[in-house]
């Protein structure tokens, strides 16, 4: 059946042997399934990290298109994260 975008990246890494090449990474990998836009992607990812680790991330790295950089900077300020 259909899978989320987050799940598709997980399956891609698994199926291409990325997890096998980096021991321990698969056990630390999780996904966030509910975001509907870039603001929610950032906010929910930070919340998911907290849910899994019990702490806030020290930093956040956003990988994306250069034209979205200003948007993510604004989102980061709104959710008190630092990409």
C-alpha atoms as a PDB file:
ATOM      1  CA  UNK A   1       0.000   0.000   0.000  1.00  0.00           C
ATOM      2  CA  UNK A   2       0.931   3.649   0.077  1.00  0.00           C
ATOM      3  CA  UNK A   3       3.751   4.793   2.336  1.00  0.00           C
ATOM      4  CA  UNK A   4       4.633   8.230   3.652  1.00  0.00           C
ATOM      5  CA  UNK A   5       7.508  10.274   2.275  1.00  0.00           C
ATOM      6  CA  UNK A   6       9.403   9.644   5.534  1.00  0.00           C
ATOM      7  CA  UNK A   7       8.893   5.888   5.265  1.00  0.00           C
ATOM      8  CA  UNK A   8      10.042   5.934   1.642  1.00  0.00           C
ATOM      9  CA  UNK A   9      13.400   7.445   2.691  1.00  0.00           C
ATOM     10  CA  UNK A  10      13.762   4.830   5.415  1.00  0.00           C
ATOM     11  CA  UNK A  11      13.023   2.015   2.976  1.00  0.00           C
ATOM     12  CA  UNK A  12      15.419   3.539   0.424  1.00  0.00           C
ATOM     13  CA  UNK A  13      18.261   3.540   2.980  1.00  0.00           C
ATOM     14  CA  UNK A  14      17.442   0.006   4.073  1.00  0.00           C
ATOM     15  CA  UNK A  15      17.104  -1.386   0.552  1.00  0.00           C
ATOM     16  CA  UNK A  16      20.335   0.283  -0.681  1.00  0.00           C
ATOM     17  CA  UNK A  17      22.388  -1.138   2.191  1.00  0.00           C
ATOM     18  CA  UNK A  18      23.044   2.221   3.815  1.00  0.00           C
ATOM     19  CA  UNK A  19      22.123   0.905   7.258  1.00  0.00           C
ATOM     20  CA  UNK A  20      24.304  -2.172   6.760  1.00  0.00           C
ATOM     21  CA  UNK A  21      27.261   0.047   5.857  1.00  0.00           C
ATOM     22  CA  UNK A  22      26.834   2.123   9.030  1.00  0.00           C
ATOM     23  CA  UNK A  23      26.293  -0.147  12.046  1.00  0.00           C
ATOM     24  CA  UNK A  24      24.040   1.270  14.733  1.00  0.00           C
ATOM     25  CA  UNK A  25      22.351   3.848  12.530  1.00  0.00           C
ATOM     26  CA  UNK A  26      19.219   1.808  11.800  1.00  0.00           C
ATOM     27  CA  UNK A  27      18.515   1.383  15.520  1.00  0.00           C
ATOM     28  CA  UNK A  28      18.688   5.184  15.954  1.00  0.00           C
ATOM     29  CA  UNK A  29      16.588   5.955  12.885  1.00  0.00           C
ATOM     30  CA  UNK A  30      12.976   7.013  13.221  1.00  0.00           C
ATOM     31  CA  UNK A  31      10.535   8.913  11.073  1.00  0.00           C
ATOM     32  CA  UNK A  32       7.826  11.492  11.617  1.00  0.00           C
ATOM     33  CA  UNK A  33       4.640  10.676   9.730  1.00  0.00           C
ATOM     34  CA  UNK A  34       2.270  13.594  10.281  1.00  0.00           C
ATOM     35  CA  UNK A  35       3.806  16.797   8.883  1.00  0.00           C
ATOM     36  CA  UNK A  36       1.887  18.429   6.042  1.00  0.00           C
ATOM     37  CA  UNK A  37       4.211  21.295   5.154  1.00  0.00           C
ATOM     38  CA  UNK A  38       7.739  22.577   5.723  1.00  0.00           C
ATOM     39  CA  UNK A  39       6.891  24.278   9.029  1.00  0.00           C
ATOM     40  CA  UNK A  40       5.419  21.061  10.405  1.00  0.00           C
ATOM     41  CA  UNK A  41       8.348  19.057   8.993  1.00  0.00           C
ATOM     42  CA  UNK A  42      10.750  21.066  11.136  1.00  0.00           C
ATOM     43  CA  UNK A  43       8.560  21.412  14.229  1.00  0.00           C
ATOM     44  CA  UNK A  44       7.365  17.803  14.309  1.00  0.00           C
ATOM     45  CA  UNK A  45      10.876  16.474  13.659  1.00  0.00           C
ATOM     46  CA  UNK A  46      12.195  18.375  16.686  1.00  0.00           C
ATOM     47  CA  UNK A  47       9.291  17.071  18.768  1.00  0.00           C
ATOM     48  CA  UNK A  48       9.894  13.508  17.538  1.00  0.00           C
ATOM     49  CA  UNK A  49      13.558  13.797  18.505  1.00  0.00           C
ATOM     50  CA  UNK A  50      12.522  14.877  21.999  1.00  0.00           C
ATOM     51  CA  UNK A  51      10.008  12.026  22.194  1.00  0.00           C
ATOM     52  CA  UNK A  52      12.700   9.467  21.314  1.00  0.00           C
ATOM     53  CA  UNK A  53      15.615  10.883  23.323  1.00  0.00           C
ATOM     54  CA  UNK A  54      14.075  12.858  26.163  1.00  0.00           C
ATOM     55  CA  UNK A  55      15.994  15.996  25.192  1.00  0.00           C
ATOM     56  CA  UNK A  56      16.010  18.749  22.605  1.00  0.00           C
ATOM     57  CA  UNK A  57      18.496  18.467  19.719  1.00  0.00           C
ATOM     58  CA  UNK A  58      21.690  20.483  20.006  1.00  0.00           C
ATOM     59  CA  UNK A  59      21.415  21.405  16.338  1.00  0.00           C
ATOM     60  CA  UNK A  60      19.201  20.740  13.336  1.00  0.00           C
ATOM     61  CA  UNK A  61      20.439  20.187   9.801  1.00  0.00           C
ATOM     62  CA  UNK A  62      17.971  20.800   7.004  1.00  0.00           C
ATOM     63  CA  UNK A  63      18.716  19.298   3.603  1.00  0.00           C
ATOM     64  CA  UNK A  64      16.723  20.813   0.799  1.00  0.00           C
ATOM     65  CA  UNK A  65      16.514  23.177  -2.113  1.00  0.00           C
ATOM     66  CA  UNK A  66      18.409  26.488  -1.845  1.00  0.00           C
ATOM     67  CA  UNK A  67      15.261  28.490  -2.674  1.00  0.00           C
ATOM     68  CA  UNK A  68      13.648  27.149   0.535  1.00  0.00           C
ATOM     69  CA  UNK A  69      16.464  28.316   2.828  1.00  0.00           C
ATOM     70  CA  UNK A  70      14.809  31.595   3.884  1.00  0.00           C
ATOM     71  CA  UNK A  71      11.565  29.750   4.575  1.00  0.00           C
ATOM     72  CA  UNK A  72      13.293  27.249   6.873  1.00  0.00           C
ATOM     73  CA  UNK A  73      15.198  30.034   8.632  1.00  0.00           C
ATOM     74  CA  UNK A  74      11.850  31.698   9.409  1.00  0.00           C
ATOM     75  CA  UNK A  75      10.358  28.392  10.534  1.00  0.00           C
ATOM     76  CA  UNK A  76      13.394  27.741  12.753  1.00  0.00           C
ATOM     77  CA  UNK A  77      12.971  31.122  14.426  1.00  0.00           C
ATOM     78  CA  UNK A  78       9.276  30.388  14.973  1.00  0.00           C
ATOM     79  CA  UNK A  79       9.920  27.000  16.609  1.00  0.00           C
ATOM     80  CA  UNK A  80      13.149  28.064  18.364  1.00  0.00           C
ATOM     81  CA  UNK A  81      15.373  25.666  16.410  1.00  0.00           C
ATOM     82  CA  UNK A  82      18.630  26.457  14.631  1.00  0.00           C
ATOM     83  CA  UNK A  83      19.087  24.796  11.230  1.00  0.00           C
END
